[in-house]
């Protein structure tokens, strides 16, 4: 079970997130963990995806028309862009469902690249995937360090 306060400490030590309420980020992190667990996804990778996709901005919309926290395209979802932007639960459920689907289709090594690029990875999506993995790893290590400090 993840301690959300320690996860927030770890997250905020890596990036200030000055553009969004930390209480809102805390709520997003809790919900992200819930939906990650529901789909057998790693919480640290899910939080890293949210950070890289939207910087925790709920109504984010990309030039490729991907929407919300996890930048889900309505072409990959039964929900409209507006629904994906307005509902944290819908967006995190759909993003984690897609992540699990891509992990099943492409394996643990390549699924993040495909999450970003769809069916075809390119050089840019490989770099993006590596950045997501690197941030997730840093977040996990910082979380463990925070946890150990509490236990000492």
C-alpha atoms as a PDB file:
ATOM      1  CA  UNK A   1       0.000   0.000   0.000  1.00  0.00           C
ATOM      2  CA  UNK A   2       1.349   3.383  -1.004  1.00  0.00           C
ATOM      3  CA  UNK A   3       1.605   6.267   1.447  1.00  0.00           C
ATOM      4  CA  UNK A   4       0.217   9.200  -0.543  1.00  0.00           C
ATOM      5  CA  UNK A   5       1.817  11.870   1.622  1.00  0.00           C
ATOM      6  CA  UNK A   6       5.253  10.330   1.041  1.00  0.00           C
ATOM      7  CA  UNK A   7       4.507   9.958  -2.657  1.00  0.00           C
ATOM      8  CA  UNK A   8       3.542  13.647  -2.797  1.00  0.00           C
ATOM      9  CA  UNK A   9       6.764  14.584  -0.959  1.00  0.00           C
ATOM     10  CA  UNK A  10       8.747  12.570  -3.486  1.00  0.00           C
ATOM     11  CA  UNK A  11       6.857  14.095  -6.426  1.00  0.00           C
ATOM     12  CA  UNK A  12       7.220  17.664  -5.180  1.00  0.00           C
ATOM     13  CA  UNK A  13      10.916  17.150  -4.501  1.00  0.00           C
ATOM     14  CA  UNK A  14      11.377  16.297  -8.187  1.00  0.00           C
ATOM     15  CA  UNK A  15       9.147  19.006  -9.641  1.00  0.00           C
ATOM     16  CA  UNK A  16       7.521  22.009  -7.965  1.00  0.00           C
ATOM     17  CA  UNK A  17       4.140  21.819  -9.762  1.00  0.00           C
ATOM     18  CA  UNK A  18       3.552  25.502  -9.029  1.00  0.00           C
ATOM     19  CA  UNK A  19       0.886  25.774 -11.722  1.00  0.00           C
ATOM     20  CA  UNK A  20      -1.662  23.511 -10.007  1.00  0.00           C
ATOM     21  CA  UNK A  21      -3.062  23.106  -6.501  1.00  0.00           C
ATOM     22  CA  UNK A  22      -1.106  20.529  -4.505  1.00  0.00           C
ATOM     23  CA  UNK A  23      -4.369  19.381  -2.909  1.00  0.00           C
ATOM     24  CA  UNK A  24      -5.708  18.690  -6.399  1.00  0.00           C
ATOM     25  CA  UNK A  25      -2.524  16.791  -7.288  1.00  0.00           C
ATOM     26  CA  UNK A  26      -2.872  14.768  -4.060  1.00  0.00           C
ATOM     27  CA  UNK A  27      -6.427  13.787  -5.076  1.00  0.00           C
ATOM     28  CA  UNK A  28      -5.252  12.896  -8.588  1.00  0.00           C
ATOM     29  CA  UNK A  29      -2.401  10.759  -7.208  1.00  0.00           C
ATOM     30  CA  UNK A  30      -4.821   8.849  -4.948  1.00  0.00           C
ATOM     31  CA  UNK A  31      -7.207   8.195  -7.834  1.00  0.00           C
ATOM     32  CA  UNK A  32      -4.304   7.319 -10.159  1.00  0.00           C
ATOM     33  CA  UNK A  33      -3.124   4.679  -7.703  1.00  0.00           C
ATOM     34  CA  UNK A  34      -6.647   3.248  -7.437  1.00  0.00           C
ATOM     35  CA  UNK A  35      -7.051   2.888 -11.205  1.00  0.00           C
ATOM     36  CA  UNK A  36      -3.459   1.719 -11.698  1.00  0.00           C
ATOM     37  CA  UNK A  37      -4.054  -1.095  -9.201  1.00  0.00           C
ATOM     38  CA  UNK A  38      -7.396  -1.914 -10.815  1.00  0.00           C
ATOM     39  CA  UNK A  39      -5.596  -2.470 -14.139  1.00  0.00           C
ATOM     40  CA  UNK A  40      -2.413  -4.046 -12.671  1.00  0.00           C
ATOM     41  CA  UNK A  41      -0.343  -1.001 -13.676  1.00  0.00           C
ATOM     42  CA  UNK A  42       2.556   0.431 -11.718  1.00  0.00           C
ATOM     43  CA  UNK A  43       1.530   3.504  -9.707  1.00  0.00           C
ATOM     44  CA  UNK A  44       4.869   5.289 -10.164  1.00  0.00           C
ATOM     45  CA  UNK A  45       4.715   4.820 -13.935  1.00  0.00           C
ATOM     46  CA  UNK A  46       1.104   6.014 -13.975  1.00  0.00           C
ATOM     47  CA  UNK A  47       1.997   9.165 -12.028  1.00  0.00           C
ATOM     48  CA  UNK A  48       4.942   9.714 -14.363  1.00  0.00           C
ATOM     49  CA  UNK A  49       2.643   9.352 -17.385  1.00  0.00           C
ATOM     50  CA  UNK A  50       0.280  11.959 -15.932  1.00  0.00           C
ATOM     51  CA  UNK A  51       3.177  14.309 -15.256  1.00  0.00           C
ATOM     52  CA  UNK A  52       4.589  13.936 -18.782  1.00  0.00           C
ATOM     53  CA  UNK A  53       1.244  13.955 -20.562  1.00  0.00           C
ATOM     54  CA  UNK A  54      -0.488  16.865 -18.841  1.00  0.00           C
ATOM     55  CA  UNK A  55       1.592  18.195 -15.928  1.00  0.00           C
ATOM     56  CA  UNK A  56      -1.513  17.380 -13.825  1.00  0.00           C
ATOM     57  CA  UNK A  57      -3.718  19.816 -15.772  1.00  0.00           C
ATOM     58  CA  UNK A  58      -7.147  18.183 -15.918  1.00  0.00           C
ATOM     59  CA  UNK A  59      -8.418  20.033 -18.988  1.00  0.00           C
ATOM     60  CA  UNK A  60      -5.231  19.636 -21.044  1.00  0.00           C
ATOM     61  CA  UNK A  61      -5.714  19.027 -24.773  1.00  0.00           C
ATOM     62  CA  UNK A  62      -2.899  18.220 -27.176  1.00  0.00           C
ATOM     63  CA  UNK A  63      -2.492  19.234 -30.797  1.00  0.00           C
ATOM     64  CA  UNK A  64      -3.292  15.575 -31.594  1.00  0.00           C
ATOM     65  CA  UNK A  65      -6.629  16.054 -29.760  1.00  0.00           C
ATOM     66  CA  UNK A  66      -5.713  13.840 -26.799  1.00  0.00           C
ATOM     67  CA  UNK A  67      -7.522  14.985 -23.681  1.00  0.00           C
ATOM     68  CA  UNK A  68      -7.217  15.237 -19.935  1.00  0.00           C
ATOM     69  CA  UNK A  69      -4.690  14.095 -17.373  1.00  0.00           C
ATOM     70  CA  UNK A  70      -3.531  10.984 -19.232  1.00  0.00           C
ATOM     71  CA  UNK A  71      -4.077  12.507 -22.694  1.00  0.00           C
ATOM     72  CA  UNK A  72      -6.544   9.916 -23.927  1.00  0.00           C
ATOM     73  CA  UNK A  73      -7.722  10.330 -27.493  1.00  0.00           C
ATOM     74  CA  UNK A  74     -11.438   9.945 -27.968  1.00  0.00           C
ATOM     75  CA  UNK A  75     -10.506   7.638 -30.861  1.00  0.00           C
ATOM     76  CA  UNK A  76      -9.197   5.174 -28.238  1.00  0.00           C
ATOM     77  CA  UNK A  77     -12.102   5.710 -25.857  1.00  0.00           C
ATOM     78  CA  UNK A  78     -15.875   5.581 -25.803  1.00  0.00           C
ATOM     79  CA  UNK A  79     -15.873   8.985 -24.073  1.00  0.00           C
ATOM     80  CA  UNK A  80     -15.724  12.420 -25.670  1.00  0.00           C
ATOM     81  CA  UNK A  81     -12.831  14.799 -25.132  1.00  0.00           C
ATOM     82  CA  UNK A  82     -15.046  16.932 -22.904  1.00  0.00           C
ATOM     83  CA  UNK A  83     -15.895  13.932 -20.710  1.00  0.00           C
ATOM     84  CA  UNK A  84     -12.214  12.959 -20.526  1.00  0.00           C
ATOM     85  CA  UNK A  85     -11.331  16.513 -19.440  1.00  0.00           C
ATOM     86  CA  UNK A  86     -14.169  16.997 -16.967  1.00  0.00           C
ATOM     87  CA  UNK A  87     -13.999  13.696 -15.105  1.00  0.00           C
ATOM     88  CA  UNK A  88     -10.775  12.708 -13.375  1.00  0.00           C
ATOM     89  CA  UNK A  89     -12.194   9.231 -12.766  1.00  0.00           C
ATOM     90  CA  UNK A  90     -13.143   8.649 -16.401  1.00  0.00           C
ATOM     91  CA  UNK A  91      -9.771   9.912 -17.629  1.00  0.00           C
ATOM     92  CA  UNK A  92      -7.722   7.864 -15.167  1.00  0.00           C
ATOM     93  CA  UNK A  93      -9.815   4.755 -15.748  1.00  0.00           C
ATOM     94  CA  UNK A  94      -9.485   5.056 -19.525  1.00  0.00           C
ATOM     95  CA  UNK A  95      -5.778   5.954 -19.402  1.00  0.00           C
ATOM     96  CA  UNK A  96      -5.003   2.968 -17.206  1.00  0.00           C
ATOM     97  CA  UNK A  97      -7.179   0.691 -19.335  1.00  0.00           C
ATOM     98  CA  UNK A  98      -5.248   1.787 -22.419  1.00  0.00           C
ATOM     99  CA  UNK A  99      -1.918   1.384 -20.624  1.00  0.00           C
ATOM    100  CA  UNK A 100      -2.862  -2.176 -19.659  1.00  0.00           C
ATOM    101  CA  UNK A 101      -4.003  -2.906 -23.232  1.00  0.00           C
ATOM    102  CA  UNK A 102      -0.752  -1.559 -24.710  1.00  0.00           C
ATOM    103  CA  UNK A 103       1.287  -3.497 -22.144  1.00  0.00           C
ATOM    104  CA  UNK A 104      -0.544  -6.683 -23.177  1.00  0.00           C
ATOM    105  CA  UNK A 105      -0.088  -5.979 -26.900  1.00  0.00           C
ATOM    106  CA  UNK A 106       3.517  -4.728 -26.880  1.00  0.00           C
ATOM    107  CA  UNK A 107       5.084  -6.058 -23.672  1.00  0.00           C
ATOM    108  CA  UNK A 108       6.665  -4.302 -20.719  1.00  0.00           C
ATOM    109  CA  UNK A 109       9.557  -2.913 -22.763  1.00  0.00           C
ATOM    110  CA  UNK A 110       7.671  -0.989 -25.477  1.00  0.00           C
ATOM    111  CA  UNK A 111       4.172  -0.273 -24.223  1.00  0.00           C
ATOM    112  CA  UNK A 112       4.895   3.292 -23.032  1.00  0.00           C
ATOM    113  CA  UNK A 113       6.164   4.251 -26.468  1.00  0.00           C
ATOM    114  CA  UNK A 114       2.957   2.914 -28.002  1.00  0.00           C
ATOM    115  CA  UNK A 115       0.847   4.678 -25.363  1.00  0.00           C
ATOM    116  CA  UNK A 116       2.334   7.913 -26.687  1.00  0.00           C
ATOM    117  CA  UNK A 117       2.433   7.128 -30.397  1.00  0.00           C
ATOM    118  CA  UNK A 118      -0.316   4.587 -30.967  1.00  0.00           C
ATOM    119  CA  UNK A 119       0.499   1.612 -33.138  1.00  0.00           C
ATOM    120  CA  UNK A 120       3.830   2.878 -34.479  1.00  0.00           C
ATOM    121  CA  UNK A 121       6.705   4.064 -32.308  1.00  0.00           C
ATOM    122  CA  UNK A 122       9.067   6.644 -33.741  1.00  0.00           C
ATOM    123  CA  UNK A 123      12.269   8.260 -32.515  1.00  0.00           C
ATOM    124  CA  UNK A 124      10.411  11.030 -30.688  1.00  0.00           C
ATOM    125  CA  UNK A 125       8.048   8.633 -28.897  1.00  0.00           C
ATOM    126  CA  UNK A 126      10.991   6.419 -27.877  1.00  0.00           C
ATOM    127  CA  UNK A 127      12.693   9.459 -26.286  1.00  0.00           C
ATOM    128  CA  UNK A 128       9.414  10.373 -24.572  1.00  0.00           C
ATOM    129  CA  UNK A 129       9.012   6.805 -23.316  1.00  0.00           C
ATOM    130  CA  UNK A 130      12.540   6.850 -21.903  1.00  0.00           C
ATOM    131  CA  UNK A 131      11.797  10.132 -20.103  1.00  0.00           C
ATOM    132  CA  UNK A 132       8.619   8.642 -18.558  1.00  0.00           C
ATOM    133  CA  UNK A 133      10.521   5.560 -17.396  1.00  0.00           C
ATOM    134  CA  UNK A 134      13.386   7.643 -16.008  1.00  0.00           C
ATOM    135  CA  UNK A 135      11.025   9.922 -14.063  1.00  0.00           C
ATOM    136  CA  UNK A 136       9.055   6.913 -12.724  1.00  0.00           C
ATOM    137  CA  UNK A 137      12.310   5.347 -11.531  1.00  0.00           C
ATOM    138  CA  UNK A 138      13.443   8.594  -9.872  1.00  0.00           C
ATOM    139  CA  UNK A 139      10.027   8.971  -8.257  1.00  0.00           C
ATOM    140  CA  UNK A 140      10.153   5.423  -6.896  1.00  0.00           C
ATOM    141  CA  UNK A 141      13.687   5.870  -5.515  1.00  0.00           C
ATOM    142  CA  UNK A 142      12.766   9.182  -3.885  1.00  0.00           C
ATOM    143  CA  UNK A 143       9.630   7.597  -2.410  1.00  0.00           C
ATOM    144  CA  UNK A 144      11.684   4.739  -0.922  1.00  0.00           C
ATOM    145  CA  UNK A 145      14.162   7.256   0.506  1.00  0.00           C
ATOM    146  CA  UNK A 146      11.298   9.228   2.101  1.00  0.00           C
ATOM    147  CA  UNK A 147       9.849   6.002   3.501  1.00  0.00           C
ATOM    148  CA  UNK A 148      13.191   4.930   4.989  1.00  0.00           C
ATOM    149  CA  UNK A 149      13.608   8.317   6.648  1.00  0.00           C
ATOM    150  CA  UNK A 150      10.225   7.844   8.331  1.00  0.00           C
ATOM    151  CA  UNK A 151      11.218   4.412   9.585  1.00  0.00           C
ATOM    152  CA  UNK A 152      14.580   5.511  11.025  1.00  0.00           C
END
